[in-house]
Amino acid sequence: MIGFDIEAVAKLINLPDDHVMGPMVTIGKGTKEAWPKPGQLTLDEVSVNNGF
């Protein structure tokens, strides 16, 4: 995840020294529309209907 600071989270939850952070999954609803994926073409740019 962009901006995720593993050391800050470990300190925040008082993670013992003999433990490590594992994979994390974010869950929740967005507050605004997601940005388009870079390089992704629109449907009109990649499809043709009834012709060539």
PDB file of N, CA and C in Angstrom:
ATOM      1  N   MET A   1       0.845  -1.178   0.000  1.00  0.00           N
ATOM      2  CA  MET A   1       0.000   0.000   0.000  1.00  0.00           C
ATOM      3  C   MET A   1       0.888   1.237   0.000  1.00  0.00           C
ATOM      4  N   ILE A   2       0.527   2.185  -0.791  1.00  0.00           N
ATOM      5  CA  ILE A   2       1.287   3.426  -0.854  1.00  0.00           C
ATOM      6  C   ILE A   2       1.100   4.190   0.452  1.00  0.00           C
ATOM      7  N   GLY A   3       2.191   4.656   1.004  1.00  0.00           N
ATOM      8  CA  GLY A   3       2.125   5.442   2.223  1.00  0.00           C
ATOM      9  C   GLY A   3       2.037   4.625   3.496  1.00  0.00           C
ATOM     10  N   PHE A   4       2.104   3.329   3.400  1.00  0.00           N
ATOM     11  CA  PHE A   4       2.020   2.474   4.582  1.00  0.00           C
ATOM     12  C   PHE A   4       3.367   2.452   5.283  1.00  0.00           C
ATOM     13  N   ASP A   5       3.395   2.814   6.541  1.00  0.00           N
ATOM     14  CA  ASP A   5       4.633   2.849   7.329  1.00  0.00           C
ATOM     15  C   ASP A   5       4.608   1.692   8.314  1.00  0.00           C
ATOM     16  N   ILE A   6       5.275   0.608   7.951  1.00  0.00           N
ATOM     17  CA  ILE A   6       5.235  -0.612   8.757  1.00  0.00           C
ATOM     18  C   ILE A   6       5.793  -0.393  10.156  1.00  0.00           C
ATOM     19  N   GLU A   7       6.826   0.426  10.279  1.00  0.00           N
ATOM     20  CA  GLU A   7       7.420   0.692  11.596  1.00  0.00           C
ATOM     21  C   GLU A   7       6.456   1.478  12.485  1.00  0.00           C
ATOM     22  N   ALA A   8       5.746   2.450  11.908  1.00  0.00           N
ATOM     23  CA  ALA A   8       4.801   3.251  12.688  1.00  0.00           C
ATOM     24  C   ALA A   8       3.636   2.394  13.192  1.00  0.00           C
ATOM     25  N   VAL A   9       3.152   1.491  12.341  1.00  0.00           N
ATOM     26  CA  VAL A   9       2.052   0.614  12.755  1.00  0.00           C
ATOM     27  C   VAL A   9       2.519  -0.333  13.851  1.00  0.00           C
ATOM     28  N   ALA A  10       3.715  -0.893  13.698  1.00  0.00           N
ATOM     29  CA  ALA A  10       4.252  -1.796  14.722  1.00  0.00           C
ATOM     30  C   ALA A  10       4.347  -1.087  16.070  1.00  0.00           C
ATOM     31  N   LYS A  11       4.782   0.165  16.052  1.00  0.00           N
ATOM     32  CA  LYS A  11       4.880   0.938  17.296  1.00  0.00           C
ATOM     33  C   LYS A  11       3.486   1.240  17.857  1.00  0.00           C
ATOM     34  N   LEU A  12       2.558   1.596  16.962  1.00  0.00           N
ATOM     35  CA  LEU A  12       1.199   1.943  17.368  1.00  0.00           C
ATOM     36  C   LEU A  12       0.496   0.784  18.074  1.00  0.00           C
ATOM     37  N   ILE A  13       0.704  -0.429  17.591  1.00  0.00           N
ATOM     38  CA  ILE A  13       0.026  -1.588  18.188  1.00  0.00           C
ATOM     39  C   ILE A  13       0.899  -2.313  19.213  1.00  0.00           C
ATOM     40  N   ASN A  14       2.037  -1.702  19.554  1.00  0.00           N
ATOM     41  CA  ASN A  14       2.969  -2.302  20.527  1.00  0.00           C
ATOM     42  C   ASN A  14       3.374  -3.722  20.135  1.00  0.00           C
ATOM     43  N   LEU A  15       3.764  -3.885  18.889  1.00  0.00           N
ATOM     44  CA  LEU A  15       4.176  -5.186  18.375  1.00  0.00           C
ATOM     45  C   LEU A  15       5.452  -5.635  19.083  1.00  0.00           C
ATOM     46  N   PRO A  16       5.447  -6.822  19.693  1.00  0.00           N
ATOM     47  CA  PRO A  16       6.655  -7.317  20.375  1.00  0.00           C
ATOM     48  C   PRO A  16       7.824  -7.462  19.400  1.00  0.00           C
ATOM     49  N   ASP A  17       9.044  -7.361  19.908  1.00  0.00           N
ATOM     50  CA  ASP A  17      10.242  -7.431  19.071  1.00  0.00           C
ATOM     51  C   ASP A  17      10.384  -8.769  18.347  1.00  0.00           C
ATOM     52  N   ASP A  18       9.842  -9.838  18.925  1.00  0.00           N
ATOM     53  CA  ASP A  18       9.976 -11.145  18.287  1.00  0.00           C
ATOM     54  C   ASP A  18       8.815 -11.462  17.335  1.00  0.00           C
ATOM     55  N   HIS A  19       8.055 -10.439  16.929  1.00  0.00           N
ATOM     56  CA  HIS A  19       6.957 -10.586  15.976  1.00  0.00           C
ATOM     57  C   HIS A  19       7.245  -9.724  14.747  1.00  0.00           C
ATOM     58  N   VAL A  20       6.610 -10.068  13.624  1.00  0.00           N
ATOM     59  CA  VAL A  20       6.726  -9.275  12.399  1.00  0.00           C
ATOM     60  C   VAL A  20       5.332  -9.002  11.843  1.00  0.00           C
ATOM     61  N   MET A  21       5.215  -7.924  11.073  1.00  0.00           N
ATOM     62  CA  MET A  21       3.950  -7.599  10.417  1.00  0.00           C
ATOM     63  C   MET A  21       3.770  -8.529   9.221  1.00  0.00           C
ATOM     64  N   GLY A  22       2.556  -9.029   9.030  1.00  0.00           N
ATOM     65  CA  GLY A  22       2.240  -9.871   7.883  1.00  0.00           C
ATOM     66  C   GLY A  22       1.489  -9.072   6.837  1.00  0.00           C
ATOM     67  N   PRO A  23       1.021  -9.741   5.800  1.00  0.00           N
ATOM     68  CA  PRO A  23       0.248  -9.048   4.768  1.00  0.00           C
ATOM     69  C   PRO A  23      -0.997  -8.393   5.369  1.00  0.00           C
ATOM     70  N   MET A  24      -1.365  -7.243   4.813  1.00  0.00           N
ATOM     71  CA  MET A  24      -2.549  -6.527   5.293  1.00  0.00           C
ATOM     72  C   MET A  24      -3.492  -6.282   4.126  1.00  0.00           C
ATOM     73  N   VAL A  25      -4.771  -6.282   4.402  1.00  0.00           N
ATOM     74  CA  VAL A  25      -5.790  -6.008   3.402  1.00  0.00           C
ATOM     75  C   VAL A  25      -6.624  -4.846   3.911  1.00  0.00           C
ATOM     76  N   THR A  26      -6.817  -3.843   3.058  1.00  0.00           N
ATOM     77  CA  THR A  26      -7.658  -2.718   3.461  1.00  0.00           C
ATOM     78  C   THR A  26      -9.109  -3.029   3.104  1.00  0.00           C
ATOM     79  N   ILE A  27     -10.007  -2.652   3.986  1.00  0.00           N
ATOM     80  CA  ILE A  27     -11.430  -2.901   3.787  1.00  0.00           C
ATOM     81  C   ILE A  27     -12.178  -1.612   4.093  1.00  0.00           C
ATOM     82  N   GLY A  28     -13.145  -1.289   3.256  1.00  0.00           N
ATOM     83  CA  GLY A  28     -13.953  -0.110   3.519  1.00  0.00           C
ATOM     84  C   GLY A  28     -14.540   0.452   2.241  1.00  0.00           C
ATOM     85  N   LYS A  29     -15.279   1.513   2.386  1.00  0.00           N
ATOM     86  CA  LYS A  29     -15.895   2.183   1.248  1.00  0.00           C
ATOM     87  C   LYS A  29     -15.078   3.413   0.897  1.00  0.00           C
ATOM     88  N   GLY A  30     -14.982   3.691  -0.372  1.00  0.00           N
ATOM     89  CA  GLY A  30     -14.277   4.880  -0.821  1.00  0.00           C
ATOM     90  C   GLY A  30     -15.090   6.135  -0.536  1.00  0.00           C
ATOM     91  N   THR A  31     -14.396   7.236  -0.345  1.00  0.00           N
ATOM     92  CA  THR A  31     -15.078   8.509  -0.119  1.00  0.00           C
ATOM     93  C   THR A  31     -15.249   9.285  -1.412  1.00  0.00           C
ATOM     94  N   LYS A  32     -14.541   8.841  -2.474  1.00  0.00           N
ATOM     95  CA  LYS A  32     -14.680   9.468  -3.786  1.00  0.00           C
ATOM     96  C   LYS A  32     -14.346   8.435  -4.850  1.00  0.00           C
ATOM     97  N   GLU A  33     -14.610   8.760  -6.105  1.00  0.00           N
ATOM     98  CA  GLU A  33     -14.338   7.846  -7.208  1.00  0.00           C
ATOM     99  C   GLU A  33     -12.852   7.524  -7.287  1.00  0.00           C
ATOM    100  N   ALA A  34     -12.548   6.278  -7.624  1.00  0.00           N
ATOM    101  CA  ALA A  34     -11.150   5.877  -7.783  1.00  0.00           C
ATOM    102  C   ALA A  34     -10.566   6.515  -9.040  1.00  0.00           C
ATOM    103  N   TRP A  35      -9.265   6.765  -9.015  1.00  0.00           N
ATOM    104  CA  TRP A  35      -8.584   7.287 -10.202  1.00  0.00           C
ATOM    105  C   TRP A  35      -8.542   6.198 -11.255  1.00  0.00           C
ATOM    106  N   PRO A  36      -8.581   6.588 -12.529  1.00  0.00           N
ATOM    107  CA  PRO A  36      -8.452   5.565 -13.564  1.00  0.00           C
ATOM    108  C   PRO A  36      -7.060   4.940 -13.513  1.00  0.00           C
ATOM    109  N   LYS A  37      -6.967   3.680 -13.882  1.00  0.00           N
ATOM    110  CA  LYS A  37      -5.670   3.010 -13.894  1.00  0.00           C
ATOM    111  C   LYS A  37      -4.821   3.609 -15.017  1.00  0.00           C
ATOM    112  N   PRO A  38      -3.560   3.899 -14.741  1.00  0.00           N
ATOM    113  CA  PRO A  38      -2.711   4.480 -15.781  1.00  0.00           C
ATOM    114  C   PRO A  38      -2.542   3.522 -16.953  1.00  0.00           C
ATOM    115  N   GLY A  39      -2.664   4.056 -18.141  1.00  0.00           N
ATOM    116  CA  GLY A  39      -2.477   3.241 -19.328  1.00  0.00           C
ATOM    117  C   GLY A  39      -3.696   2.448 -19.756  1.00  0.00           C
ATOM    118  N   GLN A  40      -4.770   2.505 -18.995  1.00  0.00           N
ATOM    119  CA  GLN A  40      -5.966   1.741 -19.343  1.00  0.00           C
ATOM    120  C   GLN A  40      -6.751   2.497 -20.409  1.00  0.00           C
ATOM    121  N   LEU A  41      -7.107   1.797 -21.489  1.00  0.00           N
ATOM    122  CA  LEU A  41      -7.862   2.408 -22.574  1.00  0.00           C
ATOM    123  C   LEU A  41      -9.358   2.277 -22.305  1.00  0.00           C
ATOM    124  N   THR A  42     -10.121   3.219 -22.836  1.00  0.00           N
ATOM    125  CA  THR A  42     -11.574   3.154 -22.684  1.00  0.00           C
ATOM    126  C   THR A  42     -12.136   2.071 -23.599  1.00  0.00           C
ATOM    127  N   LEU A  43     -13.364   1.643 -23.339  1.00  0.00           N
ATOM    128  CA  LEU A  43     -14.007   0.618 -24.153  1.00  0.00           C
ATOM    129  C   LEU A  43     -14.113   1.070 -25.609  1.00  0.00           C
ATOM    130  N   ASP A  44     -14.417   2.340 -25.854  1.00  0.00           N
ATOM    131  CA  ASP A  44     -14.516   2.865 -27.219  1.00  0.00           C
ATOM    132  C   ASP A  44     -13.186   2.786 -27.964  1.00  0.00           C
ATOM    133  N   GLU A  45     -12.085   2.861 -27.262  1.00  0.00           N
ATOM    134  CA  GLU A  45     -10.771   2.814 -27.902  1.00  0.00           C
ATOM    135  C   GLU A  45     -10.336   1.395 -28.267  1.00  0.00           C
ATOM    136  N   VAL A  46     -10.935   0.391 -27.662  1.00  0.00           N
ATOM    137  CA  VAL A  46     -10.498  -0.984 -27.906  1.00  0.00           C
ATOM    138  C   VAL A  46     -11.557  -1.872 -28.544  1.00  0.00           C
ATOM    139  N   SER A  47     -12.736  -1.351 -28.823  1.00  0.00           N
ATOM    140  CA  SER A  47     -13.780  -2.191 -29.404  1.00  0.00           C
ATOM    141  C   SER A  47     -14.339  -1.568 -30.677  1.00  0.00           C
ATOM    142  N   VAL A  48     -14.828  -2.447 -31.553  1.00  0.00           N
ATOM    143  CA  VAL A  48     -15.442  -2.018 -32.807  1.00  0.00           C
ATOM    144  C   VAL A  48     -16.772  -2.753 -32.923  1.00  0.00           C
ATOM    145  N   ASN A  49     -17.817  -2.028 -33.245  1.00  0.00           N
ATOM    146  CA  ASN A  49     -19.130  -2.639 -33.413  1.00  0.00           C
ATOM    147  C   ASN A  49     -19.566  -2.541 -34.866  1.00  0.00           C
ATOM    148  N   ASN A  50     -19.975  -3.671 -35.439  1.00  0.00           N
ATOM    149  CA  ASN A  50     -20.532  -3.724 -36.792  1.00  0.00           C
ATOM    150  C   ASN A  50     -19.598  -3.168 -37.857  1.00  0.00           C
ATOM    151  N   GLY A  51     -18.342  -3.444 -37.796  1.00  0.00           N
ATOM    152  CA  GLY A  51     -17.407  -2.984 -38.833  1.00  0.00           C
ATOM    153  C   GLY A  51     -15.971  -3.185 -38.420  1.00  0.00           C
ATOM    154  N   PHE A  52     -15.085  -2.665 -39.290  1.00  0.00           N
ATOM    155  CA  PHE A  52     -13.654  -2.759 -39.002  1.00  0.00           C
ATOM    156  C   PHE A  52     -13.053  -1.382 -38.907  1.00  0.00           C
TER     157      PHE A  52
END
